Amino acid sequence: MHYQDALAEEIRDAAARLLAEDVGAGDITAQLIPARQHARARVITREAAVLCGVAWVDELFRRLDASVALHWQAADGDALEAGQAFLELEGPARSLLTGERCALNLLQTLSATATRTRHYVELLAGTGVRLLDTRKTLPGLRLAQKYAVTCGGGHNHRIGLFDAFLIKENHIAACGGIEGAVKAARSIARELSVEVEVETFDELDQALAAGADIIMLDNFSLADMREAVRRTSGRAILEASGNVDETTLRNIAETGVDCISSGALTKDVKAIDLSMRLID
């Protein structure tokens, strides 16, 4: 399935799943409000953030109550300031309050991923190094968080186990070595990129000799990364992985590697503090 088609399907599925999870048989507290009561609401962020999740919220309210109108003052990828209102909603008061938590849960999580990514991308400014995500995503939010990474200016690594080879320690052991693993990958799907994770210079040399497209330097020291760049001399793309955070990111980039992958973009995010209030 094409990425955009898969993303659209995930948006629909996520909206349906979250409403089923939260609303269930019905919002009993919303029944305290007269059915005909109309209301307006505003969503603000209490901290600086990069917005992500517009399409998810649109789909959520479309499923919940198509009469709810959403007026966005920002788009995915836009930087928001603390205290900024970025969405107004109007429609039946019951529907606004029923959809509130599902909408905020989506926005605060995806915006957190986009915000962390933007911060890391800014730390890499001027180096030419690409920031990559990983498969360490929150369960059920793979494509959503991968999309959020792109909103923050990062790049997607593999989407899953199906779109590229990543040969790691256990694969190497099971295949009898790096050369055999790479050869097997080429025979299965020659059109897909083949990446090999290495932990030593000997493994690096083997991966280069085997013709790997990408080589992941797993937990190499800065000095060893520089030596790996010298040895590789452009014969493969070099990806640095391990011990990546905001204090180490720039130093890693300056070793000359081509890209840096970080699971922190998706698995360690702290939800953005958002609030929805009825107005008027």
Protein backbone atom coordinates (compact mmCIF):
# COMPACT_ATOMS: atom_id res chain seq x y z
CA MET A 1 0.00 0.00 0.00
CA HIS A 2 1.23 3.51 -0.84
CA TYR A 3 2.38 5.53 2.18
CA GLN A 4 -0.25 8.28 1.74
CA ASP A 5 -3.04 5.71 1.36
CA ALA A 6 -1.82 3.87 4.45
CA LEU A 7 -1.67 7.12 6.41
CA ALA A 8 -5.22 8.07 5.40
CA GLU A 9 -6.42 4.64 6.48
CA GLU A 10 -4.62 4.95 9.81
CA ILE A 11 -6.23 8.34 10.44
CA ARG A 12 -9.68 6.84 9.90
CA ASP A 13 -8.91 3.79 12.02
CA ALA A 14 -7.38 5.84 14.85
CA ALA A 15 -10.38 8.16 15.06
CA ALA A 16 -12.81 5.24 15.18
CA ARG A 17 -10.67 3.37 17.72
CA LEU A 18 -10.26 6.33 20.07
CA LEU A 19 -13.94 7.20 20.03
CA ALA A 20 -14.86 3.58 20.75
CA GLU A 21 -12.35 3.49 23.59
CA ASP A 22 -13.48 6.73 25.25
CA VAL A 23 -17.15 7.13 24.39
CA GLY A 24 -18.18 3.50 24.37
CA ALA A 25 -21.96 3.24 24.73
CA GLY A 26 -22.28 7.01 25.20
CA ASP A 27 -21.03 10.04 27.11
CA ILE A 28 -23.25 10.04 30.19
CA THR A 29 -21.85 13.30 31.60
CA ALA A 30 -22.59 15.14 28.34
CA GLN A 31 -26.24 14.20 28.83
CA LEU A 32 -26.35 16.81 31.61
CA ILE A 33 -26.26 19.43 28.85
CA PRO A 34 -29.43 20.21 26.86
CA ALA A 35 -29.27 18.45 23.50
CA ARG A 36 -29.97 21.67 21.57
CA GLN A 37 -27.38 23.79 23.36
CA HIS A 38 -24.84 25.30 20.95
CA ALA A 39 -21.33 26.27 22.05
CA ARG A 40 -17.95 27.50 20.92
CA ALA A 41 -14.62 26.31 22.25
CA ARG A 42 -10.99 27.30 21.88
CA VAL A 43 -7.89 25.11 22.12
CA ILE A 44 -4.64 26.67 23.34
CA THR A 45 -1.15 25.40 24.06
CA ARG A 46 0.37 26.25 27.41
CA GLU A 47 3.89 25.77 26.09
CA ALA A 48 5.83 26.36 22.88
CA ALA A 49 5.26 23.52 20.44
CA VAL A 50 5.16 22.36 16.83
CA LEU A 51 1.61 21.49 15.83
CA CYS A 52 0.75 18.05 14.48
CA GLY A 53 -2.50 16.11 14.23
CA VAL A 54 -4.91 18.32 12.30
CA ALA A 55 -6.23 15.56 10.03
CA TRP A 56 -6.79 13.22 12.99
CA VAL A 57 -8.90 15.77 14.85
CA ASP A 58 -10.87 16.65 11.71
CA GLU A 59 -11.67 12.96 11.19
CA LEU A 60 -12.53 12.43 14.84
CA PHE A 61 -15.18 15.15 14.89
CA ARG A 62 -16.44 14.16 11.44
CA ARG A 63 -17.22 10.73 12.88
CA LEU A 64 -18.55 12.05 16.18
CA ASP A 65 -20.75 14.85 14.83
CA ALA A 66 -20.37 16.24 11.33
CA SER A 67 -22.18 19.44 12.35
CA VAL A 68 -19.20 20.52 14.45
CA ALA A 69 -17.18 23.18 12.58
CA LEU A 70 -13.43 23.38 13.15
CA HIS A 71 -11.53 26.59 12.44
CA TRP A 72 -7.76 26.06 12.50
CA GLN A 73 -5.44 29.05 13.00
CA ALA A 74 -2.34 26.94 12.39
CA ALA A 75 -1.31 23.97 10.25
CA ASP A 76 0.76 20.87 10.88
CA GLY A 77 4.41 21.84 11.20
CA ASP A 78 3.70 25.39 12.41
CA ALA A 79 5.50 26.66 15.50
CA LEU A 80 3.16 27.69 18.32
CA GLU A 81 3.95 30.03 21.19
CA ALA A 82 2.93 29.40 24.78
CA GLY A 83 -0.60 30.67 25.32
CA GLN A 84 -1.46 30.66 21.63
CA ALA A 85 -4.95 29.65 20.51
CA PHE A 86 -4.74 27.52 17.39
CA LEU A 87 -8.18 25.95 17.01
CA GLU A 88 -11.77 27.09 17.50
CA LEU A 89 -14.72 24.73 17.35
CA GLU A 90 -18.45 25.40 17.24
CA GLY A 91 -21.41 23.08 17.33
CA PRO A 92 -23.52 21.12 19.80
CA ALA A 93 -22.04 21.55 23.28
CA ARG A 94 -22.43 17.85 23.97
CA SER A 95 -20.33 16.93 20.93
CA LEU A 96 -17.58 19.42 21.74
CA LEU A 97 -17.15 18.03 25.23
CA THR A 98 -17.45 14.40 24.17
CA GLY A 99 -14.67 14.78 21.60
CA GLU A 100 -12.43 16.96 23.75
CA ARG A 101 -10.20 14.34 25.35
CA CYS A 102 -9.73 12.20 22.25
CA ALA A 103 -8.76 15.30 20.26
CA LEU A 104 -6.34 16.58 22.88
CA ASN A 105 -4.75 13.16 23.38
CA LEU A 106 -3.95 12.99 19.68
CA LEU A 107 -2.72 16.55 19.41
CA GLN A 108 -0.58 16.50 22.54
CA THR A 109 1.16 13.26 21.55
CA LEU A 110 1.80 13.97 17.88
CA SER A 111 2.78 17.57 18.59
CA ALA A 112 5.23 16.30 21.21
CA THR A 113 6.95 14.15 18.58
CA ALA A 114 7.04 17.01 16.09
CA THR A 115 8.36 19.40 18.76
CA ARG A 116 11.16 17.09 19.91
CA THR A 117 12.13 16.49 16.28
CA ARG A 118 12.23 20.22 15.47
CA HIS A 119 14.47 20.82 18.48
CA TYR A 120 16.92 18.14 17.34
CA VAL A 121 16.85 19.38 13.74
CA GLU A 122 17.72 22.87 14.93
CA LEU A 123 20.65 21.47 16.90
CA LEU A 124 21.93 19.92 13.65
CA ALA A 125 21.64 23.14 11.65
CA GLY A 126 24.53 23.65 9.23
CA THR A 127 25.94 20.13 9.49
CA GLY A 128 24.04 18.61 6.55
CA VAL A 129 23.30 15.53 8.67
CA ARG A 130 19.83 14.00 8.34
CA LEU A 131 17.87 13.15 11.49
CA LEU A 132 16.07 9.79 11.31
CA ASP A 133 13.40 8.20 13.44
CA THR A 134 13.24 4.50 14.37
CA ARG A 135 10.63 1.78 14.87
CA LYS A 136 10.52 2.61 18.60
CA THR A 137 7.09 4.17 18.29
CA LEU A 138 4.09 4.13 20.62
CA PRO A 139 1.94 1.04 19.98
CA GLY A 140 -0.73 1.71 17.38
CA LEU A 141 0.71 5.08 16.35
CA ARG A 142 3.46 4.02 13.94
CA LEU A 143 2.47 6.02 10.86
CA ALA A 144 1.11 8.87 12.95
CA GLN A 145 4.41 9.39 14.75
CA LYS A 146 6.39 8.87 11.56
CA TYR A 147 4.30 11.64 10.01
CA ALA A 148 4.89 13.84 13.07
CA VAL A 149 8.64 13.41 12.64
CA THR A 150 8.38 14.84 9.12
CA CYS A 151 6.34 17.77 10.47
CA GLY A 152 9.26 18.53 12.75
CA GLY A 153 11.74 18.44 9.88
CA GLY A 154 13.11 14.94 10.42
CA HIS A 155 13.15 11.97 8.07
CA ASN A 156 11.64 8.51 8.27
CA HIS A 157 13.87 5.46 8.54
CA ARG A 158 12.02 2.22 7.78
CA ILE A 159 8.26 2.40 8.22
CA GLY A 160 8.26 -1.24 9.30
CA LEU A 161 9.86 -4.59 8.67
CA PHE A 162 8.63 -4.68 5.08
CA ASP A 163 10.20 -1.72 3.27
CA ALA A 164 13.95 -2.08 3.85
CA PHE A 165 16.48 -4.57 5.20
CA LEU A 166 18.17 -3.85 8.52
CA ILE A 167 20.56 -6.69 9.31
CA LYS A 168 21.41 -6.73 13.00
CA GLU A 169 23.48 -8.93 15.31
CA ASN A 170 21.00 -11.80 15.53
CA HIS A 171 20.35 -11.80 11.79
CA ILE A 172 24.10 -11.96 11.17
CA ALA A 173 24.48 -14.88 13.56
CA ALA A 174 21.54 -16.76 12.02
CA CYS A 175 22.81 -16.19 8.47
CA GLY A 176 26.38 -17.23 9.26
CA GLY A 177 27.93 -13.82 8.78
CA ILE A 178 27.50 -10.39 7.21
CA GLU A 179 28.40 -11.46 3.68
CA GLY A 180 25.81 -14.24 3.70
CA ALA A 181 23.13 -11.99 5.16
CA VAL A 182 23.67 -9.26 2.57
CA LYS A 183 23.75 -11.78 -0.27
CA ALA A 184 20.48 -13.31 0.92
CA ALA A 185 18.86 -9.88 1.14
CA ARG A 186 19.85 -9.07 -2.45
CA SER A 187 18.34 -12.34 -3.64
CA ILE A 188 15.03 -11.65 -1.87
CA ALA A 189 14.41 -8.05 -2.97
CA ARG A 190 17.17 -6.41 -4.96
CA GLU A 191 15.23 -3.15 -5.21
CA LEU A 192 15.22 -2.54 -1.44
CA SER A 193 18.06 -0.90 0.45
CA VAL A 194 20.23 -3.10 2.65
CA GLU A 195 21.52 -1.76 5.93
CA VAL A 196 23.91 -3.56 8.28
CA GLU A 197 24.38 -2.71 11.93
CA VAL A 198 28.02 -3.01 13.05
CA GLU A 199 29.72 -2.81 16.42
CA THR A 200 33.41 -3.10 15.42
CA PHE A 201 35.75 -2.02 12.65
CA ASP A 202 36.05 -5.62 11.52
CA GLU A 203 32.28 -5.75 11.01
CA LEU A 204 32.43 -2.39 9.23
CA ASP A 205 35.01 -3.75 6.80
CA GLN A 206 32.88 -6.85 6.21
CA ALA A 207 29.77 -4.76 5.54
CA LEU A 208 31.68 -2.59 3.06
CA ALA A 209 33.08 -5.64 1.31
CA ALA A 210 29.58 -7.16 1.12
CA GLY A 211 28.25 -4.01 -0.57
CA ALA A 212 25.83 -2.77 2.08
CA ASP A 213 24.01 0.41 1.07
CA ILE A 214 23.84 1.78 4.61
CA ILE A 215 25.94 0.92 7.65
CA MET A 216 24.72 1.69 11.15
CA LEU A 217 27.48 2.46 13.63
CA ASP A 218 26.08 1.11 16.87
CA ASN A 219 27.36 2.91 19.97
CA PHE A 220 30.68 3.90 18.38
CA SER A 221 32.74 6.50 20.23
CA LEU A 222 33.22 9.87 18.54
CA ALA A 223 36.81 8.96 17.65
CA ASP A 224 35.70 5.64 16.19
CA MET A 225 32.97 7.36 14.17
CA ARG A 226 35.57 9.64 12.63
CA GLU A 227 37.71 6.63 11.78
CA ALA A 228 34.68 4.86 10.29
CA VAL A 229 34.02 7.88 8.07
CA ARG A 230 37.64 7.81 6.92
CA ARG A 231 37.55 4.06 6.18
CA THR A 232 34.22 4.19 4.40
CA SER A 233 35.20 7.13 2.19
CA GLY A 234 31.73 7.44 0.69
CA ARG A 235 31.29 3.77 -0.23
CA ALA A 236 28.16 3.51 1.94
CA ILE A 237 25.86 5.80 3.86
CA LEU A 238 26.89 5.93 7.51
CA GLU A 239 24.24 6.14 10.20
CA ALA A 240 25.12 6.81 13.83
CA SER A 241 22.94 5.21 16.50
CA GLY A 242 23.07 4.90 20.27
CA ASN A 243 23.55 7.44 23.08
CA VAL A 244 21.86 10.14 21.03
CA ASP A 245 20.35 13.04 22.95
CA GLU A 246 20.45 16.82 22.80
CA THR A 247 23.84 16.93 24.56
CA THR A 248 25.56 14.52 22.15
CA LEU A 249 23.76 15.17 18.86
CA ARG A 250 25.94 17.97 17.51
CA ASN A 251 29.22 16.24 18.38
CA ILE A 252 28.06 13.09 16.62
CA ALA A 253 27.09 15.06 13.52
CA GLU A 254 30.49 16.73 13.39
CA THR A 255 32.25 13.36 13.02
CA GLY A 256 31.16 13.34 9.37
CA VAL A 257 28.44 10.67 9.46
CA ASP A 258 25.58 11.05 6.99
CA CYS A 259 22.64 10.59 9.33
CA ILE A 260 21.73 10.04 12.97
CA SER A 261 18.82 7.92 14.19
CA SER A 262 17.10 8.47 17.51
CA GLY A 263 14.35 6.51 19.22
CA ALA A 264 13.83 9.45 21.58
CA LEU A 265 11.88 11.28 18.87
CA THR A 266 8.97 8.89 19.32
CA LYS A 267 9.30 6.76 22.45
CA ASP A 268 10.45 9.29 25.06
CA VAL A 269 8.23 12.25 24.24
CA LYS A 270 6.41 14.24 26.92
CA ALA A 271 2.89 15.27 25.91
CA ILE A 272 2.41 18.94 25.08
CA ASP A 273 0.22 20.76 27.62
CA LEU A 274 -2.98 21.67 25.75
CA SER A 275 -6.31 22.97 27.02
CA MET A 276 -9.80 23.38 25.56
CA ARG A 277 -12.25 25.86 27.08
CA LEU A 278 -15.77 26.84 26.13
CA ILE A 279 -16.03 30.51 25.19
CA ASP A 280 -18.90 33.04 25.13
